[in-house]
Amino acid sequence: MADQRDTIGSTNLRVHVDPRKCVSNGKCTYAAPGVYVIDEETGIAYIEDEERATAENILAGARACPTSAIIVEQYNRRVYPPVLTSLPGTGSED
């Protein structure tokens, strides 16, 4: 199993699976078959075949995760899931 923080192939993407959020339901493996797998011992998803991994299927697997456990970064910026900031006028202004 490769270090989950390494850049994947030529995509310049880094993938991290948060073990506290991963619930092993396998939706990432259905969205990106042959790319994501679930570790049998830990129950945590990881990218098994970096050669087969493309930006499209890496992101498809991340989007399929119901708990947003798969974090995708490119050039040290989060690509998915998006970081939400509060909109003007929605914060507490007491």
N, C-alpha and C. Protein backbone atom coordinates (compact mmCIF):
# COMPACT_ATOMS: atom_id res chain seq x y z
N MET A 1 0.85 -1.17 0.00
CA MET A 1 0.00 0.00 0.00
C MET A 1 0.90 1.23 0.00
N ALA A 2 0.69 2.13 -0.93
CA ALA A 2 1.49 3.34 -1.04
C ALA A 2 1.09 4.35 0.03
N ASP A 3 2.03 5.23 0.36
CA ASP A 3 1.73 6.31 1.29
C ASP A 3 0.60 7.14 0.70
N GLN A 4 -0.46 7.32 1.46
CA GLN A 4 -1.66 7.97 0.94
C GLN A 4 -1.48 9.47 0.74
N ARG A 5 -0.34 10.03 1.12
CA ARG A 5 -0.11 11.45 0.92
C ARG A 5 0.79 11.70 -0.30
N ASP A 6 1.25 10.66 -0.97
CA ASP A 6 2.08 10.83 -2.16
C ASP A 6 1.26 11.35 -3.33
N THR A 7 1.95 12.06 -4.23
CA THR A 7 1.30 12.48 -5.46
C THR A 7 1.00 11.25 -6.30
N ILE A 8 -0.18 11.18 -6.87
CA ILE A 8 -0.63 10.02 -7.63
C ILE A 8 -0.26 10.19 -9.10
N GLY A 9 0.61 9.34 -9.60
CA GLY A 9 0.97 9.33 -11.01
C GLY A 9 1.29 10.71 -11.55
N SER A 10 0.79 11.02 -12.73
CA SER A 10 1.04 12.31 -13.36
C SER A 10 -0.08 13.31 -13.08
N THR A 11 -0.97 13.00 -12.15
CA THR A 11 -2.13 13.87 -11.89
C THR A 11 -1.79 15.07 -11.01
N ASN A 12 -0.66 15.02 -10.31
CA ASN A 12 -0.30 16.03 -9.32
C ASN A 12 -1.34 16.14 -8.21
N LEU A 13 -2.09 15.07 -8.00
CA LEU A 13 -3.08 15.04 -6.93
C LEU A 13 -2.51 14.27 -5.75
N ARG A 14 -2.85 14.71 -4.58
CA ARG A 14 -2.54 13.98 -3.35
C ARG A 14 -3.87 13.53 -2.75
N VAL A 15 -3.89 12.31 -2.28
CA VAL A 15 -5.12 11.74 -1.72
C VAL A 15 -4.84 11.30 -0.29
N HIS A 16 -5.72 11.72 0.60
CA HIS A 16 -5.63 11.30 1.99
C HIS A 16 -7.01 10.80 2.40
N VAL A 17 -7.03 9.63 3.01
CA VAL A 17 -8.30 9.09 3.53
C VAL A 17 -8.26 9.25 5.04
N ASP A 18 -9.22 10.00 5.56
CA ASP A 18 -9.32 10.22 7.00
C ASP A 18 -9.86 8.94 7.65
N PRO A 19 -9.02 8.23 8.42
CA PRO A 19 -9.47 6.96 9.00
C PRO A 19 -10.60 7.12 10.02
N ARG A 20 -10.77 8.33 10.56
CA ARG A 20 -11.87 8.56 11.51
C ARG A 20 -13.20 8.69 10.81
N LYS A 21 -13.17 9.05 9.51
CA LYS A 21 -14.42 9.24 8.77
C LYS A 21 -14.77 8.05 7.87
N CYS A 22 -13.77 7.28 7.45
CA CYS A 22 -14.02 6.17 6.51
C CYS A 22 -14.84 5.08 7.22
N VAL A 23 -16.00 4.76 6.64
CA VAL A 23 -16.89 3.75 7.23
C VAL A 23 -16.91 2.46 6.42
N SER A 24 -16.02 2.33 5.47
CA SER A 24 -15.81 1.09 4.70
C SER A 24 -17.04 0.65 3.90
N ASN A 25 -17.86 1.58 3.43
CA ASN A 25 -19.03 1.13 2.68
C ASN A 25 -18.70 0.82 1.23
N GLY A 26 -17.55 1.27 0.73
CA GLY A 26 -17.08 0.86 -0.59
C GLY A 26 -17.64 1.61 -1.77
N LYS A 27 -18.33 2.70 -1.55
CA LYS A 27 -18.86 3.45 -2.70
C LYS A 27 -17.75 3.97 -3.59
N CYS A 28 -16.60 4.30 -2.99
CA CYS A 28 -15.46 4.75 -3.79
C CYS A 28 -14.97 3.64 -4.72
N THR A 29 -15.05 2.39 -4.27
CA THR A 29 -14.59 1.28 -5.10
C THR A 29 -15.53 1.03 -6.27
N TYR A 30 -16.81 1.36 -6.12
CA TYR A 30 -17.75 1.23 -7.23
C TYR A 30 -17.62 2.39 -8.21
N ALA A 31 -17.34 3.58 -7.69
CA ALA A 31 -17.19 4.76 -8.55
C ALA A 31 -15.89 4.72 -9.35
N ALA A 32 -14.87 4.11 -8.78
CA ALA A 32 -13.56 4.03 -9.45
C ALA A 32 -13.01 2.61 -9.29
N PRO A 33 -13.62 1.64 -9.98
CA PRO A 33 -13.19 0.25 -9.83
C PRO A 33 -11.74 0.05 -10.26
N GLY A 34 -11.02 -0.72 -9.46
CA GLY A 34 -9.62 -1.00 -9.77
C GLY A 34 -8.67 0.09 -9.31
N VAL A 35 -9.22 1.19 -8.82
CA VAL A 35 -8.38 2.28 -8.32
C VAL A 35 -8.44 2.30 -6.79
N TYR A 36 -9.62 2.48 -6.24
CA TYR A 36 -9.79 2.44 -4.79
C TYR A 36 -10.10 1.01 -4.35
N VAL A 37 -9.55 0.63 -3.23
CA VAL A 37 -9.89 -0.65 -2.59
C VAL A 37 -10.00 -0.38 -1.09
N ILE A 38 -10.64 -1.32 -0.40
CA ILE A 38 -10.76 -1.24 1.05
C ILE A 38 -9.76 -2.22 1.65
N ASP A 39 -8.92 -1.74 2.54
CA ASP A 39 -7.95 -2.59 3.22
C ASP A 39 -8.70 -3.57 4.11
N GLU A 40 -8.41 -4.86 3.95
CA GLU A 40 -9.15 -5.89 4.69
C GLU A 40 -8.89 -5.83 6.19
N GLU A 41 -7.69 -5.41 6.60
CA GLU A 41 -7.37 -5.36 8.02
C GLU A 41 -7.92 -4.12 8.71
N THR A 42 -7.71 -2.96 8.08
CA THR A 42 -8.10 -1.71 8.73
C THR A 42 -9.48 -1.23 8.35
N GLY A 43 -9.98 -1.66 7.19
CA GLY A 43 -11.27 -1.19 6.70
C GLY A 43 -11.21 0.21 6.12
N ILE A 44 -10.01 0.69 5.83
CA ILE A 44 -9.82 2.04 5.30
C ILE A 44 -9.56 1.96 3.80
N ALA A 45 -10.20 2.84 3.05
CA ALA A 45 -9.99 2.89 1.60
C ALA A 45 -8.61 3.45 1.28
N TYR A 46 -8.05 3.01 0.17
CA TYR A 46 -6.80 3.56 -0.33
C TYR A 46 -6.72 3.33 -1.83
N ILE A 47 -5.80 4.04 -2.48
CA ILE A 47 -5.60 3.87 -3.92
C ILE A 47 -4.59 2.76 -4.12
N GLU A 48 -5.05 1.69 -4.78
CA GLU A 48 -4.20 0.53 -4.98
C GLU A 48 -3.38 0.64 -6.27
N ASP A 49 -4.00 1.06 -7.35
CA ASP A 49 -3.34 1.07 -8.65
C ASP A 49 -3.11 2.50 -9.12
N GLU A 50 -1.95 3.04 -8.77
CA GLU A 50 -1.64 4.43 -9.13
C GLU A 50 -1.49 4.60 -10.64
N GLU A 51 -1.09 3.56 -11.34
CA GLU A 51 -0.94 3.66 -12.80
C GLU A 51 -2.29 3.84 -13.49
N ARG A 52 -3.31 3.21 -12.95
CA ARG A 52 -4.65 3.29 -13.52
C ARG A 52 -5.41 4.53 -13.09
N ALA A 53 -4.94 5.15 -12.02
CA ALA A 53 -5.65 6.29 -11.44
C ALA A 53 -5.53 7.52 -12.32
N THR A 54 -6.67 8.10 -12.64
CA THR A 54 -6.71 9.37 -13.36
C THR A 54 -7.38 10.39 -12.45
N ALA A 55 -7.25 11.64 -12.80
CA ALA A 55 -7.89 12.69 -12.01
C ALA A 55 -9.40 12.45 -11.94
N GLU A 56 -9.98 12.01 -13.05
CA GLU A 56 -11.42 11.80 -13.10
C GLU A 56 -11.88 10.72 -12.14
N ASN A 57 -11.17 9.56 -12.14
CA ASN A 57 -11.67 8.50 -11.25
C ASN A 57 -11.25 8.72 -9.80
N ILE A 58 -10.16 9.45 -9.56
CA ILE A 58 -9.82 9.82 -8.18
C ILE A 58 -10.93 10.70 -7.60
N LEU A 59 -11.34 11.69 -8.37
CA LEU A 59 -12.40 12.59 -7.90
C LEU A 59 -13.76 11.90 -7.86
N ALA A 60 -14.02 10.99 -8.78
CA ALA A 60 -15.28 10.23 -8.75
C ALA A 60 -15.39 9.43 -7.46
N GLY A 61 -14.31 8.78 -7.07
CA GLY A 61 -14.30 8.02 -5.82
C GLY A 61 -14.50 8.91 -4.61
N ALA A 62 -13.85 10.07 -4.62
CA ALA A 62 -13.98 11.00 -3.51
C ALA A 62 -15.41 11.54 -3.41
N ARG A 63 -16.01 11.88 -4.54
CA ARG A 63 -17.38 12.40 -4.53
C ARG A 63 -18.38 11.34 -4.10
N ALA A 64 -18.08 10.07 -4.35
CA ALA A 64 -19.00 8.99 -3.98
C ALA A 64 -18.98 8.69 -2.49
N CYS A 65 -17.96 9.14 -1.79
CA CYS A 65 -17.84 8.84 -0.36
C CYS A 65 -18.91 9.59 0.43
N PRO A 66 -19.78 8.85 1.15
CA PRO A 66 -20.87 9.51 1.86
C PRO A 66 -20.43 10.30 3.09
N THR A 67 -19.21 10.06 3.57
CA THR A 67 -18.74 10.77 4.77
C THR A 67 -17.64 11.79 4.45
N SER A 68 -17.35 11.98 3.17
CA SER A 68 -16.28 12.89 2.74
C SER A 68 -14.95 12.56 3.40
N ALA A 69 -14.67 11.26 3.52
CA ALA A 69 -13.42 10.83 4.14
C ALA A 69 -12.23 10.96 3.19
N ILE A 70 -12.48 11.03 1.89
CA ILE A 70 -11.41 11.10 0.92
C ILE A 70 -11.14 12.57 0.59
N ILE A 71 -9.94 13.01 0.92
CA ILE A 71 -9.54 14.40 0.70
C ILE A 71 -8.55 14.43 -0.45
N VAL A 72 -8.85 15.25 -1.45
CA VAL A 72 -8.01 15.36 -2.64
C VAL A 72 -7.42 16.76 -2.69
N GLU A 73 -6.10 16.83 -2.85
CA GLU A 73 -5.41 18.11 -2.94
C GLU A 73 -4.60 18.16 -4.22
N GLN A 74 -4.42 19.37 -4.74
CA GLN A 74 -3.55 19.58 -5.89
C GLN A 74 -2.77 20.86 -5.62
N TYR A 75 -1.46 20.77 -5.74
CA TYR A 75 -0.58 21.92 -5.47
C TYR A 75 -0.85 22.51 -4.09
N ASN A 76 -0.99 21.63 -3.10
CA ASN A 76 -1.22 22.01 -1.71
C ASN A 76 -2.51 22.79 -1.47
N ARG A 77 -3.46 22.66 -2.37
CA ARG A 77 -4.79 23.26 -2.18
C ARG A 77 -5.83 22.18 -2.28
N ARG A 78 -6.80 22.24 -1.39
CA ARG A 78 -7.85 21.23 -1.39
C ARG A 78 -8.72 21.40 -2.62
N VAL A 79 -8.92 20.28 -3.31
CA VAL A 79 -9.79 20.24 -4.49
C VAL A 79 -11.15 19.67 -4.09
N TYR A 80 -11.13 18.62 -3.26
CA TYR A 80 -12.37 17.99 -2.83
C TYR A 80 -12.16 17.37 -1.46
N PRO A 81 -13.11 17.40 -0.55
CA PRO A 81 -14.33 18.19 -0.58
C PRO A 81 -13.99 19.66 -0.44
N PRO A 82 -14.84 20.52 -0.98
CA PRO A 82 -14.54 21.95 -0.91
C PRO A 82 -14.54 22.45 0.53
N VAL A 83 -13.70 23.42 0.77
CA VAL A 83 -13.68 24.06 2.07
C VAL A 83 -14.72 25.17 2.03
N LEU A 84 -15.69 25.06 2.89
CA LEU A 84 -16.78 26.04 2.89
C LEU A 84 -16.45 27.16 3.86
N THR A 85 -16.59 28.36 3.39
CA THR A 85 -16.43 29.53 4.25
C THR A 85 -17.79 30.15 4.45
N SER A 86 -17.92 30.88 5.50
CA SER A 86 -19.22 31.51 5.76
C SER A 86 -19.44 32.64 4.76
N LEU A 87 -20.65 32.76 4.33
CA LEU A 87 -21.02 33.81 3.38
C LEU A 87 -21.21 35.12 4.12
N PRO A 88 -20.95 36.24 3.47
CA PRO A 88 -21.19 37.53 4.12
C PRO A 88 -22.65 37.64 4.56
N GLY A 89 -22.83 38.10 5.78
CA GLY A 89 -24.19 38.29 6.29
C GLY A 89 -24.77 37.07 6.96
N THR A 90 -24.05 35.91 6.95
CA THR A 90 -24.59 34.71 7.58
C THR A 90 -23.94 34.41 8.92
N GLY A 91 -22.86 35.11 9.25
CA GLY A 91 -22.19 34.87 10.52
C GLY A 91 -22.85 35.64 11.64
N SER A 92 -22.45 35.32 12.86
CA SER A 92 -23.01 36.06 13.99
C SER A 92 -22.27 37.37 14.10
N GLU A 93 -23.03 38.43 14.09
CA GLU A 93 -22.44 39.77 14.13
C GLU A 93 -22.96 40.52 15.36
N ASP A 94 -22.85 39.88 16.51
CA ASP A 94 -23.34 40.49 17.75
C ASP A 94 -22.33 41.43 18.30
